[in-house]
Amino acid sequence: MSDPQFTNTSDPRFTQWMKSPDSGPNEGCLYVSGSADGSGDVALVESEAGPDAPIQVVPRRSWSAFLSGARSGAFDHI
């Protein structure tokens, strides 16, 4: 589910930004977007940085590995 209240225009491949529903309506959210070009890349951006903030783009393989680690509790100590 994308968040129509947030946009980031620094890379046109990423248009469907979403955040965790647990983050609530306040600022300071981490948004993610899948690439619309079929590459599988995933972009991340901090909402407080604004609509033209630089984004961090990671390959799909790296994103999948991160999610797997998060689900298994690999980062729970942080």
PDB file of N, CA and C in Angstrom:
ATOM      1  N   MET A   1       0.838  -1.169   0.000  1.00  0.00           N
ATOM      2  CA  MET A   1       0.000   0.000   0.000  1.00  0.00           C
ATOM      3  C   MET A   1       0.891   1.244   0.000  1.00  0.00           C
ATOM      4  N   SER A   2       0.709   2.096  -0.969  1.00  0.00           N
ATOM      5  CA  SER A   2       1.531   3.300  -1.041  1.00  0.00           C
ATOM      6  C   SER A   2       0.928   4.398  -0.164  1.00  0.00           C
ATOM      7  N   ASP A   3       1.748   5.375   0.144  1.00  0.00           N
ATOM      8  CA  ASP A   3       1.339   6.495   0.984  1.00  0.00           C
ATOM      9  C   ASP A   3       1.242   7.736   0.104  1.00  0.00           C
ATOM     10  N   PRO A   4       0.038   8.174  -0.237  1.00  0.00           N
ATOM     11  CA  PRO A   4      -0.110   9.332  -1.129  1.00  0.00           C
ATOM     12  C   PRO A   4       0.354  10.642  -0.512  1.00  0.00           C
ATOM     13  N   GLN A   5       0.623  10.644   0.788  1.00  0.00           N
ATOM     14  CA  GLN A   5       1.066  11.874   1.444  1.00  0.00           C
ATOM     15  C   GLN A   5       2.566  12.092   1.310  1.00  0.00           C
ATOM     16  N   PHE A   6       3.298  11.109   0.753  1.00  0.00           N
ATOM     17  CA  PHE A   6       4.743  11.245   0.632  1.00  0.00           C
ATOM     18  C   PHE A   6       5.166  11.047  -0.815  1.00  0.00           C
ATOM     19  N   THR A   7       6.032  11.917  -1.278  1.00  0.00           N
ATOM     20  CA  THR A   7       6.639  11.756  -2.596  1.00  0.00           C
ATOM     21  C   THR A   7       8.123  12.066  -2.489  1.00  0.00           C
ATOM     22  N   ASN A   8       8.899  11.462  -3.339  1.00  0.00           N
ATOM     23  CA  ASN A   8      10.314  11.781  -3.455  1.00  0.00           C
ATOM     24  C   ASN A   8      10.604  11.738  -4.938  1.00  0.00           C
ATOM     25  N   THR A   9      11.096  12.833  -5.474  1.00  0.00           N
ATOM     26  CA  THR A   9      11.270  12.954  -6.920  1.00  0.00           C
ATOM     27  C   THR A   9      12.718  12.830  -7.367  1.00  0.00           C
ATOM     28  N   SER A  10      13.601  12.362  -6.488  1.00  0.00           N
ATOM     29  CA  SER A  10      15.017  12.320  -6.858  1.00  0.00           C
ATOM     30  C   SER A  10      15.350  11.211  -7.854  1.00  0.00           C
ATOM     31  N   ASP A  11      14.482  10.219  -8.018  1.00  0.00           N
ATOM     32  CA  ASP A  11      14.685   9.160  -9.012  1.00  0.00           C
ATOM     33  C   ASP A  11      13.317   8.726  -9.519  1.00  0.00           C
ATOM     34  N   PRO A  12      13.016   8.958 -10.783  1.00  0.00           N
ATOM     35  CA  PRO A  12      11.678   8.678 -11.310  1.00  0.00           C
ATOM     36  C   PRO A  12      11.299   7.197 -11.340  1.00  0.00           C
ATOM     37  N   ARG A  13      12.246   6.295 -11.112  1.00  0.00           N
ATOM     38  CA  ARG A  13      11.915   4.864 -11.096  1.00  0.00           C
ATOM     39  C   ARG A  13      11.106   4.481  -9.856  1.00  0.00           C
ATOM     40  N   PHE A  14      11.143   5.331  -8.830  1.00  0.00           N
ATOM     41  CA  PHE A  14      10.506   4.996  -7.559  1.00  0.00           C
ATOM     42  C   PHE A  14       9.369   5.963  -7.284  1.00  0.00           C
ATOM     43  N   THR A  15       8.142   5.472  -7.375  1.00  0.00           N
ATOM     44  CA  THR A  15       6.977   6.339  -7.234  1.00  0.00           C
ATOM     45  C   THR A  15       5.971   5.859  -6.196  1.00  0.00           C
ATOM     46  N   GLN A  16       6.014   4.600  -5.834  1.00  0.00           N
ATOM     47  CA  GLN A  16       5.040   4.032  -4.890  1.00  0.00           C
ATOM     48  C   GLN A  16       5.680   3.869  -3.518  1.00  0.00           C
ATOM     49  N   TRP A  17       5.820   4.960  -2.802  1.00  0.00           N
ATOM     50  CA  TRP A  17       6.468   4.960  -1.494  1.00  0.00           C
ATOM     51  C   TRP A  17       5.521   4.446  -0.429  1.00  0.00           C
ATOM     52  N   MET A  18       6.058   3.613   0.487  1.00  0.00           N
ATOM     53  CA  MET A  18       5.255   3.087   1.583  1.00  0.00           C
ATOM     54  C   MET A  18       6.075   3.058   2.857  1.00  0.00           C
ATOM     55  N   LYS A  19       5.370   3.018   3.974  1.00  0.00           N
ATOM     56  CA  LYS A  19       6.004   2.941   5.288  1.00  0.00           C
ATOM     57  C   LYS A  19       5.252   1.919   6.120  1.00  0.00           C
ATOM     58  N   SER A  20       5.858   1.531   7.212  1.00  0.00           N
ATOM     59  CA  SER A  20       5.207   0.597   8.122  1.00  0.00           C
ATOM     60  C   SER A  20       3.976   1.238   8.737  1.00  0.00           C
ATOM     61  N   PRO A  21       2.883   0.511   8.853  1.00  0.00           N
ATOM     62  CA  PRO A  21       1.713   1.074   9.534  1.00  0.00           C
ATOM     63  C   PRO A  21       1.989   1.338  11.007  1.00  0.00           C
ATOM     64  N   ASP A  22       3.032   0.726  11.563  1.00  0.00           N
ATOM     65  CA  ASP A  22       3.382   0.947  12.959  1.00  0.00           C
ATOM     66  C   ASP A  22       4.017   2.321  13.193  1.00  0.00           C
ATOM     67  N   SER A  23       4.442   2.997  12.126  1.00  0.00           N
ATOM     68  CA  SER A  23       5.120   4.285  12.303  1.00  0.00           C
ATOM     69  C   SER A  23       4.157   5.431  12.573  1.00  0.00           C
ATOM     70  N   GLY A  24       2.891   5.259  12.316  1.00  0.00           N
ATOM     71  CA  GLY A  24       1.900   6.280  12.631  1.00  0.00           C
ATOM     72  C   GLY A  24       1.976   7.491  11.718  1.00  0.00           C
ATOM     73  N   PRO A  25       1.240   8.546  12.049  1.00  0.00           N
ATOM     74  CA  PRO A  25       1.146   9.724  11.172  1.00  0.00           C
ATOM     75  C   PRO A  25       2.268  10.739  11.349  1.00  0.00           C
ATOM     76  N   ASN A  26       3.158  10.544  12.303  1.00  0.00           N
ATOM     77  CA  ASN A  26       4.198  11.539  12.578  1.00  0.00           C
ATOM     78  C   ASN A  26       5.321  11.488  11.559  1.00  0.00           C
ATOM     79  N   GLU A  27       6.100  12.569  11.530  1.00  0.00           N
ATOM     80  CA  GLU A  27       7.282  12.627  10.667  1.00  0.00           C
ATOM     81  C   GLU A  27       8.351  11.676  11.200  1.00  0.00           C
ATOM     82  N   GLY A  28       9.407  11.510  10.453  1.00  0.00           N
ATOM     83  CA  GLY A  28      10.506  10.670  10.883  1.00  0.00           C
ATOM     84  C   GLY A  28      10.325   9.221  10.496  1.00  0.00           C
ATOM     85  N   CYS A  29       9.695   8.985   9.381  1.00  0.00           N
ATOM     86  CA  CYS A  29       9.434   7.630   8.932  1.00  0.00           C
ATOM     87  C   CYS A  29      10.437   7.225   7.853  1.00  0.00           C
ATOM     88  N   LEU A  30      10.734   5.957   7.814  1.00  0.00           N
ATOM     89  CA  LEU A  30      11.544   5.414   6.735  1.00  0.00           C
ATOM     90  C   LEU A  30      10.586   4.884   5.676  1.00  0.00           C
ATOM     91  N   TYR A  31      10.731   5.390   4.468  1.00  0.00           N
ATOM     92  CA  TYR A  31       9.893   4.961   3.351  1.00  0.00           C
ATOM     93  C   TYR A  31      10.688   4.058   2.424  1.00  0.00           C
ATOM     94  N   VAL A  32       9.998   3.117   1.808  1.00  0.00           N
ATOM     95  CA  VAL A  32      10.610   2.231   0.818  1.00  0.00           C
ATOM     96  C   VAL A  32       9.752   2.234  -0.439  1.00  0.00           C
ATOM     97  N   SER A  33      10.393   1.948  -1.569  1.00  0.00           N
ATOM     98  CA  SER A  33       9.682   1.866  -2.840  1.00  0.00           C
ATOM     99  C   SER A  33      10.384   0.862  -3.742  1.00  0.00           C
ATOM    100  N   GLY A  34       9.602   0.036  -4.393  1.00  0.00           N
ATOM    101  CA  GLY A  34      10.152  -0.852  -5.409  1.00  0.00           C
ATOM    102  C   GLY A  34      10.291  -0.092  -6.714  1.00  0.00           C
ATOM    103  N   SER A  35      11.227  -0.520  -7.526  1.00  0.00           N
ATOM    104  CA  SER A  35      11.470   0.145  -8.803  1.00  0.00           C
ATOM    105  C   SER A  35      10.381  -0.201  -9.812  1.00  0.00           C
ATOM    106  N   ALA A  36       9.977   0.795 -10.577  1.00  0.00           N
ATOM    107  CA  ALA A  36       8.975   0.594 -11.616  1.00  0.00           C
ATOM    108  C   ALA A  36       9.589   0.118 -12.935  1.00  0.00           C
ATOM    109  N   ASP A  37      10.921  -0.005 -12.999  1.00  0.00           N
ATOM    110  CA  ASP A  37      11.552  -0.371 -14.266  1.00  0.00           C
ATOM    111  C   ASP A  37      11.820  -1.869 -14.409  1.00  0.00           C
ATOM    112  N   GLY A  38      11.377  -2.671 -13.442  1.00  0.00           N
ATOM    113  CA  GLY A  38      11.555  -4.114 -13.536  1.00  0.00           C
ATOM    114  C   GLY A  38      12.901  -4.624 -13.058  1.00  0.00           C
ATOM    115  N   SER A  39      13.766  -3.739 -12.572  1.00  0.00           N
ATOM    116  CA  SER A  39      15.090  -4.154 -12.136  1.00  0.00           C
ATOM    117  C   SER A  39      15.057  -4.902 -10.805  1.00  0.00           C
ATOM    118  N   GLY A  40      14.017  -4.672 -10.018  1.00  0.00           N
ATOM    119  CA  GLY A  40      13.937  -5.264  -8.696  1.00  0.00           C
ATOM    120  C   GLY A  40      14.595  -4.425  -7.617  1.00  0.00           C
ATOM    121  N   ASP A  41      15.230  -3.320  -8.007  1.00  0.00           N
ATOM    122  CA  ASP A  41      15.866  -2.447  -7.026  1.00  0.00           C
ATOM    123  C   ASP A  41      14.836  -1.910  -6.033  1.00  0.00           C
ATOM    124  N   VAL A  42      15.309  -1.624  -4.832  1.00  0.00           N
ATOM    125  CA  VAL A  42      14.469  -1.066  -3.778  1.00  0.00           C
ATOM    126  C   VAL A  42      15.142   0.209  -3.282  1.00  0.00           C
ATOM    127  N   ALA A  43      14.348   1.251  -3.079  1.00  0.00           N
ATOM    128  CA  ALA A  43      14.879   2.527  -2.595  1.00  0.00           C
ATOM    129  C   ALA A  43      14.363   2.794  -1.189  1.00  0.00           C
ATOM    130  N   LEU A  44      15.214   3.446  -0.393  1.00  0.00           N
ATOM    131  CA  LEU A  44      14.857   3.851   0.962  1.00  0.00           C
ATOM    132  C   LEU A  44      15.142   5.339   1.116  1.00  0.00           C
ATOM    133  N   VAL A  45      14.299   6.018   1.884  1.00  0.00           N
ATOM    134  CA  VAL A  45      14.514   7.439   2.151  1.00  0.00           C
ATOM    135  C   VAL A  45      13.869   7.804   3.483  1.00  0.00           C
ATOM    136  N   GLU A  46      14.480   8.723   4.188  1.00  0.00           N
ATOM    137  CA  GLU A  46      13.947   9.248   5.448  1.00  0.00           C
ATOM    138  C   GLU A  46      12.996  10.399   5.114  1.00  0.00           C
ATOM    139  N   SER A  47      11.778  10.347   5.623  1.00  0.00           N
ATOM    140  CA  SER A  47      10.767  11.342   5.265  1.00  0.00           C
ATOM    141  C   SER A  47      11.153  12.761   5.668  1.00  0.00           C
ATOM    142  N   GLU A  48      11.871  12.923   6.761  1.00  0.00           N
ATOM    143  CA  GLU A  48      12.242  14.267   7.216  1.00  0.00           C
ATOM    144  C   GLU A  48      13.191  14.972   6.252  1.00  0.00           C
ATOM    145  N   ALA A  49      13.832  14.213   5.374  1.00  0.00           N
ATOM    146  CA  ALA A  49      14.797  14.794   4.442  1.00  0.00           C
ATOM    147  C   ALA A  49      14.119  15.534   3.295  1.00  0.00           C
ATOM    148  N   GLY A  50      12.828  15.321   3.078  1.00  0.00           N
ATOM    149  CA  GLY A  50      12.098  16.071   2.065  1.00  0.00           C
ATOM    150  C   GLY A  50      11.941  15.360   0.742  1.00  0.00           C
ATOM    151  N   PRO A  51      11.145  15.944  -0.146  1.00  0.00           N
ATOM    152  CA  PRO A  51      10.782  15.295  -1.401  1.00  0.00           C
ATOM    153  C   PRO A  51      11.910  15.174  -2.423  1.00  0.00           C
ATOM    154  N   ASP A  52      12.980  15.906  -2.265  1.00  0.00           N
ATOM    155  CA  ASP A  52      14.096  15.801  -3.208  1.00  0.00           C
ATOM    156  C   ASP A  52      15.352  15.239  -2.547  1.00  0.00           C
ATOM    157  N   ALA A  53      15.186  14.605  -1.403  1.00  0.00           N
ATOM    158  CA  ALA A  53      16.324  14.048  -0.665  1.00  0.00           C
ATOM    159  C   ALA A  53      16.966  12.912  -1.456  1.00  0.00           C
ATOM    160  N   PRO A  54      18.258  12.721  -1.294  1.00  0.00           N
ATOM    161  CA  PRO A  54      18.891  11.575  -1.936  1.00  0.00           C
ATOM    162  C   PRO A  54      18.314  10.282  -1.359  1.00  0.00           C
ATOM    163  N   ILE A  55      18.188   9.301  -2.187  1.00  0.00           N
ATOM    164  CA  ILE A  55      17.672   8.016  -1.745  1.00  0.00           C
ATOM    165  C   ILE A  55      18.787   6.978  -1.769  1.00  0.00           C
ATOM    166  N   GLN A  56      18.624   5.946  -0.983  1.00  0.00           N
ATOM    167  CA  GLN A  56      19.559   4.820  -0.978  1.00  0.00           C
ATOM    168  C   GLN A  56      18.915   3.709  -1.789  1.00  0.00           C
ATOM    169  N   VAL A  57      19.561   3.300  -2.858  1.00  0.00           N
ATOM    170  CA  VAL A  57      19.034   2.235  -3.705  1.00  0.00           C
ATOM    171  C   VAL A  57      19.848   0.970  -3.460  1.00  0.00           C
ATOM    172  N   VAL A  58      19.141  -0.135  -3.217  1.00  0.00           N
ATOM    173  CA  VAL A  58      19.799  -1.416  -2.998  1.00  0.00           C
ATOM    174  C   VAL A  58      19.232  -2.442  -3.979  1.00  0.00           C
ATOM    175  N   PRO A  59      20.069  -3.376  -4.406  1.00  0.00           N
ATOM    176  CA  PRO A  59      19.574  -4.432  -5.291  1.00  0.00           C
ATOM    177  C   PRO A  59      18.568  -5.324  -4.566  1.00  0.00           C
ATOM    178  N   ARG A  60      17.679  -5.925  -5.318  1.00  0.00           N
ATOM    179  CA  ARG A  60      16.643  -6.793  -4.752  1.00  0.00           C
ATOM    180  C   ARG A  60      17.248  -7.890  -3.874  1.00  0.00           C
ATOM    181  N   ARG A  61      18.349  -8.456  -4.298  1.00  0.00           N
ATOM    182  CA  ARG A  61      18.989  -9.534  -3.542  1.00  0.00           C
ATOM    183  C   ARG A  61      19.405  -9.056  -2.144  1.00  0.00           C
ATOM    184  N   SER A  62      19.965  -7.868  -2.049  1.00  0.00           N
ATOM    185  CA  SER A  62      20.367  -7.313  -0.758  1.00  0.00           C
ATOM    186  C   SER A  62      19.150  -7.023   0.111  1.00  0.00           C
ATOM    187  N   TRP A  63      18.105  -6.473  -0.492  1.00  0.00           N
ATOM    188  CA  TRP A  63      16.876  -6.177   0.252  1.00  0.00           C
ATOM    189  C   TRP A  63      16.272  -7.471   0.800  1.00  0.00           C
ATOM    190  N   SER A  64      16.230  -8.501  -0.005  1.00  0.00           N
ATOM    191  CA  SER A  64      15.679  -9.779   0.434  1.00  0.00           C
ATOM    192  C   SER A  64      16.495 -10.373   1.579  1.00  0.00           C
ATOM    193  N   ALA A  65      17.821 -10.258   1.493  1.00  0.00           N
ATOM    194  CA  ALA A  65      18.681 -10.765   2.568  1.00  0.00           C
ATOM    195  C   ALA A  65      18.444  -9.985   3.858  1.00  0.00           C
ATOM    196  N   PHE A  66      18.282  -8.676   3.756  1.00  0.00           N
ATOM    197  CA  PHE A  66      18.002  -7.855   4.930  1.00  0.00           C
ATOM    198  C   PHE A  66      16.677  -8.266   5.574  1.00  0.00           C
ATOM    199  N   LEU A  67      15.636  -8.393   4.760  1.00  0.00           N
ATOM    200  CA  LEU A  67      14.332  -8.772   5.306  1.00  0.00           C
ATOM    201  C   LEU A  67      14.383 -10.148   5.967  1.00  0.00           C
ATOM    202  N   SER A  68      15.088 -11.067   5.361  1.00  0.00           N
ATOM    203  CA  SER A  68      15.231 -12.405   5.939  1.00  0.00           C
ATOM    204  C   SER A  68      15.907 -12.325   7.309  1.00  0.00           C
ATOM    205  N   GLY A  69      16.966 -11.536   7.403  1.00  0.00           N
ATOM    206  CA  GLY A  69      17.649 -11.356   8.678  1.00  0.00           C
ATOM    207  C   GLY A  69      16.766 -10.704   9.720  1.00  0.00           C
ATOM    208  N   ALA A  70      16.007  -9.709   9.308  1.00  0.00           N
ATOM    209  CA  ALA A  70      15.102  -9.032  10.242  1.00  0.00           C
ATOM    210  C   ALA A  70      14.035  -9.991  10.750  1.00  0.00           C
ATOM    211  N   ARG A  71      13.486 -10.785   9.859  1.00  0.00           N
ATOM    212  CA  ARG A  71      12.452 -11.739  10.260  1.00  0.00           C
ATOM    213  C   ARG A  71      12.997 -12.816  11.198  1.00  0.00           C
ATOM    214  N   SER A  72      14.246 -13.170  11.030  1.00  0.00           N
ATOM    215  CA  SER A  72      14.823 -14.243  11.865  1.00  0.00           C
ATOM    216  C   SER A  72      15.364 -13.708  13.190  1.00  0.00           C
ATOM    217  N   GLY A  73      15.315 -12.389  13.394  1.00  0.00           N
ATOM    218  CA  GLY A  73      15.790 -11.806  14.641  1.00  0.00           C
ATOM    219  C   GLY A  73      17.260 -11.443  14.653  1.00  0.00           C
ATOM    220  N   ALA A  74      17.914 -11.462  13.502  1.00  0.00           N
ATOM    221  CA  ALA A  74      19.343 -11.194  13.427  1.00  0.00           C
ATOM    222  C   ALA A  74      19.717  -9.797  13.924  1.00  0.00           C
ATOM    223  N   PHE A  75      18.781  -8.867  13.921  1.00  0.00           N
ATOM    224  CA  PHE A  75      19.094  -7.500  14.316  1.00  0.00           C
ATOM    225  C   PHE A  75      18.432  -7.106  15.639  1.00  0.00           C
ATOM    226  N   ASP A  76      17.846  -8.051  16.316  1.00  0.00           N
ATOM    227  CA  ASP A  76      17.108  -7.747  17.554  1.00  0.00           C
ATOM    228  C   ASP A  76      18.001  -7.131  18.631  1.00  0.00           C
ATOM    229  N   HIS A  77      19.276  -7.362  18.595  1.00  0.00           N
ATOM    230  CA  HIS A  77      20.192  -6.828  19.600  1.00  0.00           C
ATOM    231  C   HIS A  77      20.523  -5.352  19.376  1.00  0.00           C
ATOM    232  N   ILE A  78      20.133  -4.819  18.252  1.00  0.00           N
ATOM    233  CA  ILE A  78      20.464  -3.427  17.928  1.00  0.00           C
ATOM    234  C   ILE A  78      19.445  -2.500  18.572  1.00  0.00           C
TER     235      ILE A  78
END
